[in-house]
């Protein structure tokens, strides 16, 4: 069974913080998205919330796949946002700005997560 990676350096602590932030951002998206879906709204928030929670959890375990999962969900956000509001800048701003800022932070974690995975596989743990 895999265990949570214990951060040792400042870069690993920052990566861990980004992962926890992603999980915490995903929870309200999942919960309130489910409420919205029950009322007949978009399923997007449920799917995005679930994807980023899973990505954050994978990152907590030191897996680079978690970063790629967040980035894939973020990429899917762009066409959805344009489909939902069109070219309305004020409508696009809340749908794209926050997730894009988080995507930048996630991109910066990829080298750290890659190193963690490499070190874990060299020690013979499950990767």
C-alpha atoms as a PDB file:
ATOM      1  CA  UNK A   1       0.000   0.000   0.000  1.00  0.00           C
ATOM      2  CA  UNK A   2       1.267   3.419  -0.940  1.00  0.00           C
ATOM      3  CA  UNK A   3       1.769   6.031   1.752  1.00  0.00           C
ATOM      4  CA  UNK A   4       1.618   9.790   1.718  1.00  0.00           C
ATOM      5  CA  UNK A   5       4.959  11.262   0.700  1.00  0.00           C
ATOM      6  CA  UNK A   6       6.610  13.084   3.602  1.00  0.00           C
ATOM      7  CA  UNK A   7       8.060  16.377   2.333  1.00  0.00           C
ATOM      8  CA  UNK A   8      11.732  16.934   3.131  1.00  0.00           C
ATOM      9  CA  UNK A   9      12.718  20.091   1.240  1.00  0.00           C
ATOM     10  CA  UNK A  10      11.130  23.491   0.729  1.00  0.00           C
ATOM     11  CA  UNK A  11      10.174  22.523  -2.834  1.00  0.00           C
ATOM     12  CA  UNK A  12       8.469  19.360  -1.593  1.00  0.00           C
ATOM     13  CA  UNK A  13       6.596  21.331   1.078  1.00  0.00           C
ATOM     14  CA  UNK A  14       5.435  23.808  -1.561  1.00  0.00           C
ATOM     15  CA  UNK A  15       4.314  20.930  -3.781  1.00  0.00           C
ATOM     16  CA  UNK A  16       2.450  19.386  -0.846  1.00  0.00           C
ATOM     17  CA  UNK A  17       0.773  22.747  -0.161  1.00  0.00           C
ATOM     18  CA  UNK A  18      -0.360  23.042  -3.794  1.00  0.00           C
ATOM     19  CA  UNK A  19      -1.755  19.490  -3.629  1.00  0.00           C
ATOM     20  CA  UNK A  20      -3.706  20.223  -0.442  1.00  0.00           C
ATOM     21  CA  UNK A  21      -4.974  23.496  -1.935  1.00  0.00           C
ATOM     22  CA  UNK A  22      -6.241  21.618  -4.991  1.00  0.00           C
ATOM     23  CA  UNK A  23      -8.126  19.116  -2.828  1.00  0.00           C
ATOM     24  CA  UNK A  24      -9.631  21.942  -0.756  1.00  0.00           C
ATOM     25  CA  UNK A  25     -10.701  23.810  -3.907  1.00  0.00           C
ATOM     26  CA  UNK A  26     -12.197  20.654  -5.397  1.00  0.00           C
ATOM     27  CA  UNK A  27     -14.430  19.798  -2.440  1.00  0.00           C
ATOM     28  CA  UNK A  28     -16.847  22.737  -2.746  1.00  0.00           C
ATOM     29  CA  UNK A  29     -16.876  22.341  -6.530  1.00  0.00           C
ATOM     30  CA  UNK A  30     -17.897  18.707  -6.143  1.00  0.00           C
ATOM     31  CA  UNK A  31     -20.469  19.297  -3.383  1.00  0.00           C
ATOM     32  CA  UNK A  32     -22.074  22.450  -4.749  1.00  0.00           C
ATOM     33  CA  UNK A  33     -21.768  21.134  -8.293  1.00  0.00           C
ATOM     34  CA  UNK A  34     -23.814  18.103  -7.249  1.00  0.00           C
ATOM     35  CA  UNK A  35     -26.455  20.414  -5.769  1.00  0.00           C
ATOM     36  CA  UNK A  36     -26.505  22.404  -9.007  1.00  0.00           C
ATOM     37  CA  UNK A  37     -26.774  19.228 -11.091  1.00  0.00           C
ATOM     38  CA  UNK A  38     -29.740  18.020  -9.025  1.00  0.00           C
ATOM     39  CA  UNK A  39     -31.448  21.320  -9.825  1.00  0.00           C
ATOM     40  CA  UNK A  40     -30.870  20.709 -13.536  1.00  0.00           C
ATOM     41  CA  UNK A  41     -27.608  22.616 -13.948  1.00  0.00           C
ATOM     42  CA  UNK A  42     -24.334  21.656 -15.552  1.00  0.00           C
ATOM     43  CA  UNK A  43     -22.490  18.481 -14.532  1.00  0.00           C
ATOM     44  CA  UNK A  44     -19.213  20.243 -15.305  1.00  0.00           C
ATOM     45  CA  UNK A  45     -18.587  21.334 -11.711  1.00  0.00           C
ATOM     46  CA  UNK A  46     -19.081  17.787 -10.389  1.00  0.00           C
ATOM     47  CA  UNK A  47     -16.674  16.369 -12.978  1.00  0.00           C
ATOM     48  CA  UNK A  48     -14.075  19.118 -12.534  1.00  0.00           C
ATOM     49  CA  UNK A  49     -14.308  18.905  -8.738  1.00  0.00           C
ATOM     50  CA  UNK A  50     -13.875  15.124  -8.753  1.00  0.00           C
ATOM     51  CA  UNK A  51     -10.962  15.310 -11.207  1.00  0.00           C
ATOM     52  CA  UNK A  52      -9.028  17.913  -9.263  1.00  0.00           C
ATOM     53  CA  UNK A  53      -9.636  16.174  -5.940  1.00  0.00           C
ATOM     54  CA  UNK A  54      -8.231  12.971  -7.451  1.00  0.00           C
ATOM     55  CA  UNK A  55      -5.316  14.930  -8.919  1.00  0.00           C
ATOM     56  CA  UNK A  56      -4.555  16.589  -5.593  1.00  0.00           C
ATOM     57  CA  UNK A  57      -4.647  13.260  -3.753  1.00  0.00           C
ATOM     58  CA  UNK A  58      -2.264  11.720  -6.278  1.00  0.00           C
ATOM     59  CA  UNK A  59       0.062  14.688  -5.805  1.00  0.00           C
ATOM     60  CA  UNK A  60      -0.047  14.209  -2.020  1.00  0.00           C
ATOM     61  CA  UNK A  61       1.183  10.673  -2.667  1.00  0.00           C
ATOM     62  CA  UNK A  62       4.027  12.133  -4.764  1.00  0.00           C
ATOM     63  CA  UNK A  63       2.637  11.093  -8.137  1.00  0.00           C
ATOM     64  CA  UNK A  64       3.207  13.252 -11.221  1.00  0.00           C
ATOM     65  CA  UNK A  65       0.002  11.775 -12.689  1.00  0.00           C
ATOM     66  CA  UNK A  66      -1.904  13.990 -10.254  1.00  0.00           C
ATOM     67  CA  UNK A  67      -0.449  17.120 -11.828  1.00  0.00           C
ATOM     68  CA  UNK A  68      -1.306  15.855 -15.296  1.00  0.00           C
ATOM     69  CA  UNK A  69      -4.856  15.037 -14.169  1.00  0.00           C
ATOM     70  CA  UNK A  70      -5.334  18.603 -12.914  1.00  0.00           C
ATOM     71  CA  UNK A  71      -3.883  19.998 -16.143  1.00  0.00           C
ATOM     72  CA  UNK A  72      -6.170  17.789 -18.252  1.00  0.00           C
ATOM     73  CA  UNK A  73      -9.195  18.996 -16.292  1.00  0.00           C
ATOM     74  CA  UNK A  74      -7.975  22.578 -16.685  1.00  0.00           C
ATOM     75  CA  UNK A  75      -7.619  22.130 -20.447  1.00  0.00           C
ATOM     76  CA  UNK A  76     -11.209  20.841 -20.612  1.00  0.00           C
ATOM     77  CA  UNK A  77     -12.312  23.970 -18.738  1.00  0.00           C
ATOM     78  CA  UNK A  78     -11.399  26.242 -21.642  1.00  0.00           C
ATOM     79  CA  UNK A  79     -13.800  24.875 -24.285  1.00  0.00           C
ATOM     80  CA  UNK A  80     -16.519  24.470 -21.637  1.00  0.00           C
ATOM     81  CA  UNK A  81     -16.140  28.117 -20.563  1.00  0.00           C
ATOM     82  CA  UNK A  82     -16.410  29.393 -24.136  1.00  0.00           C
ATOM     83  CA  UNK A  83     -19.391  27.104 -24.769  1.00  0.00           C
ATOM     84  CA  UNK A  84     -21.099  28.359 -21.612  1.00  0.00           C
ATOM     85  CA  UNK A  85     -20.590  32.145 -21.962  1.00  0.00           C
ATOM     86  CA  UNK A  86     -19.150  32.723 -25.434  1.00  0.00           C
ATOM     87  CA  UNK A  87     -16.772  35.635 -25.831  1.00  0.00           C
ATOM     88  CA  UNK A  88     -18.061  37.548 -22.781  1.00  0.00           C
ATOM     89  CA  UNK A  89     -14.860  38.563 -20.985  1.00  0.00           C
ATOM     90  CA  UNK A  90     -16.568  39.134 -17.639  1.00  0.00           C
ATOM     91  CA  UNK A  91     -18.228  35.724 -17.898  1.00  0.00           C
ATOM     92  CA  UNK A  92     -14.963  34.016 -18.798  1.00  0.00           C
ATOM     93  CA  UNK A  93     -12.940  35.637 -16.028  1.00  0.00           C
ATOM     94  CA  UNK A  94     -14.280  33.627 -13.048  1.00  0.00           C
ATOM     95  CA  UNK A  95     -14.313  30.416 -15.075  1.00  0.00           C
ATOM     96  CA  UNK A  96     -10.724  30.647 -16.336  1.00  0.00           C
ATOM     97  CA  UNK A  97      -8.600  32.991 -14.216  1.00  0.00           C
ATOM     98  CA  UNK A  98      -8.492  31.036 -10.932  1.00  0.00           C
ATOM     99  CA  UNK A  99      -8.024  27.608 -12.518  1.00  0.00           C
ATOM    100  CA  UNK A 100      -5.295  29.060 -14.755  1.00  0.00           C
ATOM    101  CA  UNK A 101      -3.388  30.477 -11.775  1.00  0.00           C
ATOM    102  CA  UNK A 102      -3.561  27.074 -10.088  1.00  0.00           C
ATOM    103  CA  UNK A 103      -2.417  25.447 -13.366  1.00  0.00           C
ATOM    104  CA  UNK A 104       0.738  27.579 -13.266  1.00  0.00           C
ATOM    105  CA  UNK A 105       1.439  26.392  -9.713  1.00  0.00           C
ATOM    106  CA  UNK A 106       0.779  22.784 -10.764  1.00  0.00           C
ATOM    107  CA  UNK A 107       3.171  23.104 -13.719  1.00  0.00           C
ATOM    108  CA  UNK A 108       5.867  24.207 -11.286  1.00  0.00           C
ATOM    109  CA  UNK A 109       5.344  21.041  -9.200  1.00  0.00           C
ATOM    110  CA  UNK A 110       6.020  18.613 -12.058  1.00  0.00           C
ATOM    111  CA  UNK A 111       9.843  18.541 -11.668  1.00  0.00           C
ATOM    112  CA  UNK A 112       9.497  17.947  -7.911  1.00  0.00           C
ATOM    113  CA  UNK A 113       6.897  15.204  -8.376  1.00  0.00           C
ATOM    114  CA  UNK A 114       9.044  13.576 -11.072  1.00  0.00           C
ATOM    115  CA  UNK A 115      12.012  13.523  -8.706  1.00  0.00           C
ATOM    116  CA  UNK A 116       9.880  12.050  -5.901  1.00  0.00           C
ATOM    117  CA  UNK A 117       8.601   9.302  -8.209  1.00  0.00           C
ATOM    118  CA  UNK A 118      12.116   8.536  -9.429  1.00  0.00           C
ATOM    119  CA  UNK A 119      13.479   8.325  -5.866  1.00  0.00           C
ATOM    120  CA  UNK A 120      10.539   6.177  -4.760  1.00  0.00           C
ATOM    121  CA  UNK A 121      11.022   3.722  -7.637  1.00  0.00           C
ATOM    122  CA  UNK A 122      14.765   3.503  -6.939  1.00  0.00           C
ATOM    123  CA  UNK A 123      14.006   2.505  -3.343  1.00  0.00           C
ATOM    124  CA  UNK A 124      11.791  -0.291  -4.636  1.00  0.00           C
ATOM    125  CA  UNK A 125       8.446   1.083  -3.527  1.00  0.00           C
ATOM    126  CA  UNK A 126       5.323   0.810  -5.651  1.00  0.00           C
ATOM    127  CA  UNK A 127       5.020   3.608  -8.170  1.00  0.00           C
END
